[in-house]
Amino acid sequence: MDWTLATFLLCAGGVTLGALLQAATGLGAGLVVVPWLALVSYHLVPGPVIMASLVLSTLMTVRGRRQIDYRGMPLLLAGLVTGSALAIALLVRLPFDRLGVVFGALVLVAVGLSLRAPEIRPNRAGLFGIGTLSGAMGTAAGVGAPVLALLYQHRSGPELRATLALLYLVSSLMMLALLHFAGRFGLAEIVSGFYLVPGFILGYLLSPRLAGLIDRGYARPAVLVLATVSALVLIGRGLAA
């Protein structure tokens, strides 16, 4: 795509807002950034935005490295790989708009269950399943965070953000590799990704004040609200197509 100053500023505005939300709550970048960039150009989703978000995930992982919860992470990562591979196969046969309705509905079910259950404590199969769903959603649409966030919604703000950031970092690298082998991530997408990086950095730098507010006991409500809105956006986009 052709990058002009107006295009860059338009993209940077949406990316900054999404990155601010992500750095403060642990999720939200996909909710804001993906629909915003899709309005500018479908060529910016999912490869370029996943690549650019690596900067944010790395900064958040380094900052919260002492709060990361590694329990169950190997199974989650195995599921993320599986889900990403399935998404690549599905994208060849089905348009994302149809997948978005399915993904959104599953997230709403997960939100409903989390409201009734005091805490989600999945077994090994459950962890793998959560990772698979998140990987599929992330690779197909760049919106894989809500499922993982629901798993960690009862953790403290710093632990939630740091653990999710590491999962995003590793899974994003996997997704980019799979997208590349599927012919959906090449030089053009890399160039576009670099144009999106400044917005992610700016959002991160602006996040500490909002993060401090979230840490006063609002981490779980923020996760549930953002996950619900993410699901509704996915469903709405699918039905409107």
C-alpha atoms as a PDB file:
ATOM      1  CA  MET A   1       0.000   0.000   0.000  1.00  0.00           C
ATOM      2  CA  ASP A   2       1.025   3.635  -0.485  1.00  0.00           C
ATOM      3  CA  TRP A   3       2.004   5.423   2.722  1.00  0.00           C
ATOM      4  CA  THR A   4       1.290   9.151   2.943  1.00  0.00           C
ATOM      5  CA  LEU A   5       1.650  11.420   5.970  1.00  0.00           C
ATOM      6  CA  ALA A   6      -2.122  11.439   6.401  1.00  0.00           C
ATOM      7  CA  THR A   7      -2.259   7.631   6.277  1.00  0.00           C
ATOM      8  CA  PHE A   8       0.572   7.346   8.800  1.00  0.00           C
ATOM      9  CA  LEU A   9      -1.065   9.779  11.240  1.00  0.00           C
ATOM     10  CA  LEU A  10      -4.443   8.083  10.879  1.00  0.00           C
ATOM     11  CA  CYS A  11      -2.948   4.675  11.621  1.00  0.00           C
ATOM     12  CA  ALA A  12      -0.786   6.024  14.442  1.00  0.00           C
ATOM     13  CA  GLY A  13      -3.812   7.479  16.226  1.00  0.00           C
ATOM     14  CA  GLY A  14      -5.674   4.174  16.386  1.00  0.00           C
ATOM     15  CA  VAL A  15      -2.564   2.162  17.207  1.00  0.00           C
ATOM     16  CA  THR A  16      -1.608   4.514  20.045  1.00  0.00           C
ATOM     17  CA  LEU A  17      -5.047   4.236  21.627  1.00  0.00           C
ATOM     18  CA  GLY A  18      -5.034   0.449  21.350  1.00  0.00           C
ATOM     19  CA  ALA A  19      -1.492   0.149  22.696  1.00  0.00           C
ATOM     20  CA  LEU A  20      -2.382   2.407  25.635  1.00  0.00           C
ATOM     21  CA  LEU A  21      -5.286   0.138  26.479  1.00  0.00           C
ATOM     22  CA  GLN A  22      -3.183  -3.006  26.052  1.00  0.00           C
ATOM     23  CA  ALA A  23      -0.285  -1.784  28.184  1.00  0.00           C
ATOM     24  CA  ALA A  24      -2.642  -0.700  30.968  1.00  0.00           C
ATOM     25  CA  THR A  25      -5.070  -3.640  31.088  1.00  0.00           C
ATOM     26  CA  GLY A  26      -3.308  -6.552  29.374  1.00  0.00           C
ATOM     27  CA  LEU A  27      -5.599  -6.603  26.330  1.00  0.00           C
ATOM     28  CA  GLY A  28      -7.493  -4.255  24.056  1.00  0.00           C
ATOM     29  CA  ALA A  29      -5.070  -3.552  21.219  1.00  0.00           C
ATOM     30  CA  GLY A  30      -6.834  -6.005  18.915  1.00  0.00           C
ATOM     31  CA  LEU A  31     -10.236  -4.553  19.793  1.00  0.00           C
ATOM     32  CA  VAL A  32      -9.228  -1.019  18.814  1.00  0.00           C
ATOM     33  CA  VAL A  33      -6.373  -1.438  16.354  1.00  0.00           C
ATOM     34  CA  VAL A  34      -7.641  -4.228  14.085  1.00  0.00           C
ATOM     35  CA  PRO A  35     -11.023  -2.645  13.190  1.00  0.00           C
ATOM     36  CA  TRP A  36      -9.344   0.775  12.868  1.00  0.00           C
ATOM     37  CA  LEU A  37      -6.632  -0.450  10.505  1.00  0.00           C
ATOM     38  CA  ALA A  38      -9.096  -2.560   8.529  1.00  0.00           C
ATOM     39  CA  LEU A  39     -10.954   0.643   7.707  1.00  0.00           C
ATOM     40  CA  VAL A  40      -7.717   2.117   6.341  1.00  0.00           C
ATOM     41  CA  SER A  41      -6.595  -0.982   4.429  1.00  0.00           C
ATOM     42  CA  TYR A  42      -7.133  -4.714   4.784  1.00  0.00           C
ATOM     43  CA  HIS A  43      -3.455  -5.118   3.864  1.00  0.00           C
ATOM     44  CA  LEU A  44      -2.564  -3.978   7.405  1.00  0.00           C
ATOM     45  CA  VAL A  45      -4.289  -6.988   9.043  1.00  0.00           C
ATOM     46  CA  PRO A  46      -3.216  -9.384  10.413  1.00  0.00           C
ATOM     47  CA  GLY A  47       0.510  -9.619   9.512  1.00  0.00           C
ATOM     48  CA  PRO A  48       1.678  -5.991   9.833  1.00  0.00           C
ATOM     49  CA  VAL A  49      -0.198  -5.329  13.072  1.00  0.00           C
ATOM     50  CA  ILE A  50       1.032  -8.594  14.630  1.00  0.00           C
ATOM     51  CA  MET A  51       4.610  -7.715  13.677  1.00  0.00           C
ATOM     52  CA  ALA A  52       4.391  -4.165  15.047  1.00  0.00           C
ATOM     53  CA  SER A  53       2.810  -5.362  18.298  1.00  0.00           C
ATOM     54  CA  LEU A  54       5.975  -7.357  19.032  1.00  0.00           C
ATOM     55  CA  VAL A  55       7.534  -4.122  20.258  1.00  0.00           C
ATOM     56  CA  LEU A  56       4.771  -3.581  22.803  1.00  0.00           C
ATOM     57  CA  SER A  57       4.792  -7.206  23.955  1.00  0.00           C
ATOM     58  CA  THR A  58       8.564  -7.111  24.414  1.00  0.00           C
ATOM     59  CA  LEU A  59       8.467  -3.895  26.449  1.00  0.00           C
ATOM     60  CA  MET A  60       5.680  -5.236  28.668  1.00  0.00           C
ATOM     61  CA  THR A  61       7.429  -8.586  29.147  1.00  0.00           C
ATOM     62  CA  VAL A  62      10.689  -6.960  30.189  1.00  0.00           C
ATOM     63  CA  ARG A  63       8.957  -4.546  32.548  1.00  0.00           C
ATOM     64  CA  GLY A  64       6.926  -7.272  34.267  1.00  0.00           C
ATOM     65  CA  ARG A  65       9.378 -10.174  34.046  1.00  0.00           C
ATOM     66  CA  ARG A  66       9.233 -10.803  37.816  1.00  0.00           C
ATOM     67  CA  GLN A  67       5.421 -11.136  37.796  1.00  0.00           C
ATOM     68  CA  ILE A  68       5.109 -13.702  34.976  1.00  0.00           C
ATOM     69  CA  ASP A  69       3.207 -16.892  35.849  1.00  0.00           C
ATOM     70  CA  TYR A  70       4.771 -19.791  33.912  1.00  0.00           C
ATOM     71  CA  ARG A  71       2.375 -22.475  35.151  1.00  0.00           C
ATOM     72  CA  GLY A  72       0.554 -24.150  32.281  1.00  0.00           C
ATOM     73  CA  MET A  73       2.384 -22.065  29.704  1.00  0.00           C
ATOM     74  CA  PRO A  74       3.820 -25.009  27.674  1.00  0.00           C
ATOM     75  CA  LEU A  75       0.299 -26.363  27.072  1.00  0.00           C
ATOM     76  CA  LEU A  76      -1.011 -22.915  26.202  1.00  0.00           C
ATOM     77  CA  LEU A  77       1.824 -22.387  23.723  1.00  0.00           C
ATOM     78  CA  ALA A  78       1.225 -25.820  22.174  1.00  0.00           C
ATOM     79  CA  GLY A  79      -2.412 -24.857  21.747  1.00  0.00           C
ATOM     80  CA  LEU A  80      -1.447 -21.505  20.231  1.00  0.00           C
ATOM     81  CA  VAL A  81       0.651 -23.259  17.592  1.00  0.00           C
ATOM     82  CA  THR A  82      -2.182 -25.667  16.804  1.00  0.00           C
ATOM     83  CA  GLY A  83      -4.761 -22.894  16.612  1.00  0.00           C
ATOM     84  CA  SER A  84      -2.584 -20.786  14.348  1.00  0.00           C
ATOM     85  CA  ALA A  85      -2.082 -23.690  11.973  1.00  0.00           C
ATOM     86  CA  LEU A  86      -5.835 -24.386  11.903  1.00  0.00           C
ATOM     87  CA  ALA A  87      -6.552 -20.721  11.195  1.00  0.00           C
ATOM     88  CA  ILE A  88      -4.205 -20.749   8.209  1.00  0.00           C
ATOM     89  CA  ALA A  89      -6.040 -23.774   6.833  1.00  0.00           C
ATOM     90  CA  LEU A  90      -9.450 -22.198   7.447  1.00  0.00           C
ATOM     91  CA  LEU A  91      -8.469 -18.871   5.866  1.00  0.00           C
ATOM     92  CA  VAL A  92      -7.829 -20.693   2.621  1.00  0.00           C
ATOM     93  CA  ARG A  93     -11.412 -21.988   2.569  1.00  0.00           C
ATOM     94  CA  LEU A  94     -13.517 -19.508   4.539  1.00  0.00           C
ATOM     95  CA  PRO A  95     -13.615 -15.682   4.696  1.00  0.00           C
ATOM     96  CA  PHE A  96     -12.722 -14.188   8.062  1.00  0.00           C
ATOM     97  CA  ASP A  97     -16.148 -12.597   8.372  1.00  0.00           C
ATOM     98  CA  ARG A  98     -17.709 -16.039   8.855  1.00  0.00           C
ATOM     99  CA  LEU A  99     -15.022 -17.112  11.300  1.00  0.00           C
ATOM    100  CA  GLY A 100     -15.503 -13.888  13.272  1.00  0.00           C
ATOM    101  CA  VAL A 101     -19.077 -14.803  14.161  1.00  0.00           C
ATOM    102  CA  VAL A 102     -17.964 -18.182  15.514  1.00  0.00           C
ATOM    103  CA  PHE A 103     -15.019 -16.720  17.435  1.00  0.00           C
ATOM    104  CA  GLY A 104     -17.144 -13.930  18.899  1.00  0.00           C
ATOM    105  CA  ALA A 105     -19.828 -16.338  20.051  1.00  0.00           C
ATOM    106  CA  LEU A 106     -17.250 -18.542  21.784  1.00  0.00           C
ATOM    107  CA  VAL A 107     -15.809 -15.539  23.635  1.00  0.00           C
ATOM    108  CA  LEU A 108     -19.289 -14.534  24.828  1.00  0.00           C
ATOM    109  CA  VAL A 109     -19.837 -18.065  26.139  1.00  0.00           C
ATOM    110  CA  ALA A 110     -16.520 -17.867  27.974  1.00  0.00           C
ATOM    111  CA  VAL A 111     -17.464 -14.514  29.518  1.00  0.00           C
ATOM    112  CA  GLY A 112     -20.794 -15.907  30.670  1.00  0.00           C
ATOM    113  CA  LEU A 113     -19.137 -18.921  32.264  1.00  0.00           C
ATOM    114  CA  SER A 114     -16.547 -16.732  34.003  1.00  0.00           C
ATOM    115  CA  LEU A 115     -19.291 -14.586  35.536  1.00  0.00           C
ATOM    116  CA  ARG A 116     -20.845 -17.678  37.100  1.00  0.00           C
ATOM    117  CA  ALA A 117     -17.620 -19.414  38.119  1.00  0.00           C
ATOM    118  CA  PRO A 118     -15.418 -17.946  40.870  1.00  0.00           C
ATOM    119  CA  GLU A 119     -12.268 -18.787  38.922  1.00  0.00           C
ATOM    120  CA  ILE A 120     -11.314 -20.662  35.786  1.00  0.00           C
ATOM    121  CA  ARG A 121      -9.002 -23.566  36.623  1.00  0.00           C
ATOM    122  CA  PRO A 122      -8.792 -25.642  33.448  1.00  0.00           C
ATOM    123  CA  ASN A 123      -7.137 -29.048  33.299  1.00  0.00           C
ATOM    124  CA  ARG A 124      -4.435 -29.919  30.775  1.00  0.00           C
ATOM    125  CA  ALA A 125      -6.938 -30.408  27.965  1.00  0.00           C
ATOM    126  CA  GLY A 126      -8.599 -27.119  28.872  1.00  0.00           C
ATOM    127  CA  LEU A 127      -5.336 -25.193  28.743  1.00  0.00           C
ATOM    128  CA  PHE A 128      -4.569 -26.676  25.344  1.00  0.00           C
ATOM    129  CA  GLY A 129      -8.076 -25.799  24.139  1.00  0.00           C
ATOM    130  CA  ILE A 130      -7.821 -22.214  25.343  1.00  0.00           C
ATOM    131  CA  GLY A 131      -4.482 -21.838  23.601  1.00  0.00           C
ATOM    132  CA  THR A 132      -5.889 -23.346  20.400  1.00  0.00           C
ATOM    133  CA  LEU A 133      -8.849 -20.966  20.289  1.00  0.00           C
ATOM    134  CA  SER A 134      -6.659 -17.960  21.031  1.00  0.00           C
ATOM    135  CA  GLY A 135      -4.145 -18.958  18.358  1.00  0.00           C
ATOM    136  CA  ALA A 136      -6.879 -19.393  15.762  1.00  0.00           C
ATOM    137  CA  MET A 137      -8.452 -16.036  16.565  1.00  0.00           C
ATOM    138  CA  GLY A 138      -5.133 -14.230  16.676  1.00  0.00           C
ATOM    139  CA  THR A 139      -3.865 -15.597  13.380  1.00  0.00           C
ATOM    140  CA  ALA A 140      -7.138 -15.147  11.501  1.00  0.00           C
ATOM    141  CA  ALA A 141      -8.067 -11.743  12.848  1.00  0.00           C
ATOM    142  CA  GLY A 142      -5.367 -10.363  15.132  1.00  0.00           C
ATOM    143  CA  VAL A 143      -7.800 -10.622  18.079  1.00  0.00           C
ATOM    144  CA  GLY A 144      -6.659 -13.539  20.208  1.00  0.00           C
ATOM    145  CA  ALA A 145      -6.236 -11.818  23.556  1.00  0.00           C
ATOM    146  CA  PRO A 146      -9.748 -12.051  25.097  1.00  0.00           C
ATOM    147  CA  VAL A 147      -9.630 -15.840  25.554  1.00  0.00           C
ATOM    148  CA  LEU A 148      -6.253 -15.764  27.309  1.00  0.00           C
ATOM    149  CA  ALA A 149      -7.250 -12.771  29.404  1.00  0.00           C
ATOM    150  CA  LEU A 150     -10.296 -14.590  30.749  1.00  0.00           C
ATOM    151  CA  LEU A 151      -7.969 -17.326  32.000  1.00  0.00           C
ATOM    152  CA  TYR A 152      -5.945 -14.833  34.058  1.00  0.00           C
ATOM    153  CA  GLN A 153      -8.732 -12.405  34.996  1.00  0.00           C
ATOM    154  CA  HIS A 154      -8.442 -13.084  38.746  1.00  0.00           C
ATOM    155  CA  ARG A 155      -4.720 -12.275  38.893  1.00  0.00           C
ATOM    156  CA  SER A 156      -3.319  -8.932  39.968  1.00  0.00           C
ATOM    157  CA  GLY A 157      -2.916  -6.252  37.321  1.00  0.00           C
ATOM    158  CA  PRO A 158       0.897  -6.560  37.052  1.00  0.00           C
ATOM    159  CA  GLU A 159       0.786 -10.379  36.877  1.00  0.00           C
ATOM    160  CA  LEU A 160      -2.024 -10.338  34.317  1.00  0.00           C
ATOM    161  CA  ARG A 161      -0.222  -7.872  32.043  1.00  0.00           C
ATOM    162  CA  ALA A 162       3.191  -9.521  32.279  1.00  0.00           C
ATOM    163  CA  THR A 163       1.970 -13.098  31.718  1.00  0.00           C
ATOM    164  CA  LEU A 164      -0.219 -12.127  28.779  1.00  0.00           C
ATOM    165  CA  ALA A 165       2.601 -10.069  27.279  1.00  0.00           C
ATOM    166  CA  LEU A 166       4.957 -13.059  27.224  1.00  0.00           C
ATOM    167  CA  LEU A 167       2.248 -15.253  25.689  1.00  0.00           C
ATOM    168  CA  TYR A 168       1.563 -12.587  23.053  1.00  0.00           C
ATOM    169  CA  LEU A 169       5.260 -12.253  22.289  1.00  0.00           C
ATOM    170  CA  VAL A 170       5.858 -15.958  21.705  1.00  0.00           C
ATOM    171  CA  SER A 171       2.557 -16.585  19.922  1.00  0.00           C
ATOM    172  CA  SER A 172       3.040 -13.563  17.641  1.00  0.00           C
ATOM    173  CA  LEU A 173       6.364 -14.944  16.432  1.00  0.00           C
ATOM    174  CA  MET A 174       4.669 -18.267  15.716  1.00  0.00           C
ATOM    175  CA  MET A 175       1.808 -16.584  13.879  1.00  0.00           C
ATOM    176  CA  LEU A 176       4.157 -14.542  11.695  1.00  0.00           C
ATOM    177  CA  ALA A 177       6.122 -17.646  10.741  1.00  0.00           C
ATOM    178  CA  LEU A 178       2.936 -19.487   9.753  1.00  0.00           C
ATOM    179  CA  LEU A 179       1.586 -16.478   7.854  1.00  0.00           C
ATOM    180  CA  HIS A 180       4.891 -16.247   5.984  1.00  0.00           C
ATOM    181  CA  PHE A 181       4.797 -19.890   4.927  1.00  0.00           C
ATOM    182  CA  ALA A 182       1.179 -19.399   3.861  1.00  0.00           C
ATOM    183  CA  GLY A 183       2.242 -16.494   1.627  1.00  0.00           C
ATOM    184  CA  ARG A 184       0.491 -13.859   3.770  1.00  0.00           C
ATOM    185  CA  PHE A 185       3.503 -12.150   5.331  1.00  0.00           C
ATOM    186  CA  GLY A 186       6.282 -10.850   3.112  1.00  0.00           C
ATOM    187  CA  LEU A 187       8.322  -7.727   2.448  1.00  0.00           C
ATOM    188  CA  ALA A 188       5.306  -5.478   1.859  1.00  0.00           C
ATOM    189  CA  GLU A 189       3.765  -6.500   5.190  1.00  0.00           C
ATOM    190  CA  ILE A 190       7.093  -5.993   6.984  1.00  0.00           C
ATOM    191  CA  VAL A 191       7.377  -2.443   5.623  1.00  0.00           C
ATOM    192  CA  SER A 192       3.814  -1.654   6.703  1.00  0.00           C
ATOM    193  CA  GLY A 193       4.544  -3.136  10.122  1.00  0.00           C
ATOM    194  CA  PHE A 194       7.426  -0.726  10.662  1.00  0.00           C
ATOM    195  CA  TYR A 195       5.095   2.206   9.977  1.00  0.00           C
ATOM    196  CA  LEU A 196       2.862   1.001  12.832  1.00  0.00           C
ATOM    197  CA  VAL A 197       5.651   0.606  15.422  1.00  0.00           C
ATOM    198  CA  PRO A 198       5.759   4.279  16.626  1.00  0.00           C
ATOM    199  CA  GLY A 199       2.107   4.112  17.684  1.00  0.00           C
ATOM    200  CA  PHE A 200       2.730   1.049  19.838  1.00  0.00           C
ATOM    201  CA  ILE A 201       5.712   2.698  21.515  1.00  0.00           C
ATOM    202  CA  LEU A 202       3.794   5.920  22.202  1.00  0.00           C
ATOM    203  CA  GLY A 203       0.865   4.014  23.697  1.00  0.00           C
ATOM    204  CA  TYR A 204       3.233   2.135  25.987  1.00  0.00           C
ATOM    205  CA  LEU A 205       4.857   5.365  27.184  1.00  0.00           C
ATOM    206  CA  LEU A 206       1.461   6.885  27.974  1.00  0.00           C
ATOM    207  CA  SER A 207       0.132   3.840  29.877  1.00  0.00           C
ATOM    208  CA  PRO A 208       1.524   4.026  33.465  1.00  0.00           C
ATOM    209  CA  ARG A 209      -1.150   6.399  34.814  1.00  0.00           C
ATOM    210  CA  LEU A 210      -4.029   4.314  33.425  1.00  0.00           C
ATOM    211  CA  ALA A 211      -2.343   1.104  34.631  1.00  0.00           C
ATOM    212  CA  GLY A 212      -2.190   2.550  38.144  1.00  0.00           C
ATOM    213  CA  LEU A 213      -5.953   3.115  38.050  1.00  0.00           C
ATOM    214  CA  ILE A 214      -6.641  -0.412  36.754  1.00  0.00           C
ATOM    215  CA  ASP A 215      -4.516  -1.905  39.553  1.00  0.00           C
ATOM    216  CA  ARG A 216      -6.892  -0.545  42.202  1.00  0.00           C
ATOM    217  CA  GLY A 217      -9.098  -3.601  41.844  1.00  0.00           C
ATOM    218  CA  TYR A 218     -10.439  -3.009  38.339  1.00  0.00           C
ATOM    219  CA  ALA A 219      -8.370  -5.566  36.407  1.00  0.00           C
ATOM    220  CA  ARG A 220     -11.079  -8.260  36.255  1.00  0.00           C
ATOM    221  CA  PRO A 221     -13.959  -5.889  35.319  1.00  0.00           C
ATOM    222  CA  ALA A 222     -11.761  -4.385  32.610  1.00  0.00           C
ATOM    223  CA  VAL A 223     -10.995  -7.828  31.188  1.00  0.00           C
ATOM    224  CA  LEU A 224     -14.655  -8.893  31.154  1.00  0.00           C
ATOM    225  CA  VAL A 225     -15.841  -5.651  29.547  1.00  0.00           C
ATOM    226  CA  LEU A 226     -13.134  -5.626  26.879  1.00  0.00           C
ATOM    227  CA  ALA A 227     -13.605  -9.329  26.111  1.00  0.00           C
ATOM    228  CA  THR A 228     -17.353  -8.804  25.689  1.00  0.00           C
ATOM    229  CA  VAL A 229     -16.896  -5.788  23.433  1.00  0.00           C
ATOM    230  CA  SER A 230     -14.284  -7.691  21.398  1.00  0.00           C
ATOM    231  CA  ALA A 231     -16.738 -10.524  20.861  1.00  0.00           C
ATOM    232  CA  LEU A 232     -19.542  -8.164  19.825  1.00  0.00           C
ATOM    233  CA  VAL A 233     -17.229  -6.408  17.355  1.00  0.00           C
ATOM    234  CA  LEU A 234     -16.262  -9.725  15.783  1.00  0.00           C
ATOM    235  CA  ILE A 235     -19.889 -10.840  15.516  1.00  0.00           C
ATOM    236  CA  GLY A 236     -21.038  -7.462  14.202  1.00  0.00           C
ATOM    237  CA  ARG A 237     -18.378  -7.403  11.494  1.00  0.00           C
ATOM    238  CA  GLY A 238     -19.286 -10.924  10.449  1.00  0.00           C
ATOM    239  CA  LEU A 239     -23.026 -10.295  10.258  1.00  0.00           C
ATOM    240  CA  ALA A 240     -22.598  -6.984   8.445  1.00  0.00           C
ATOM    241  CA  ALA A 241     -20.432  -8.512   5.727  1.00  0.00           C
END
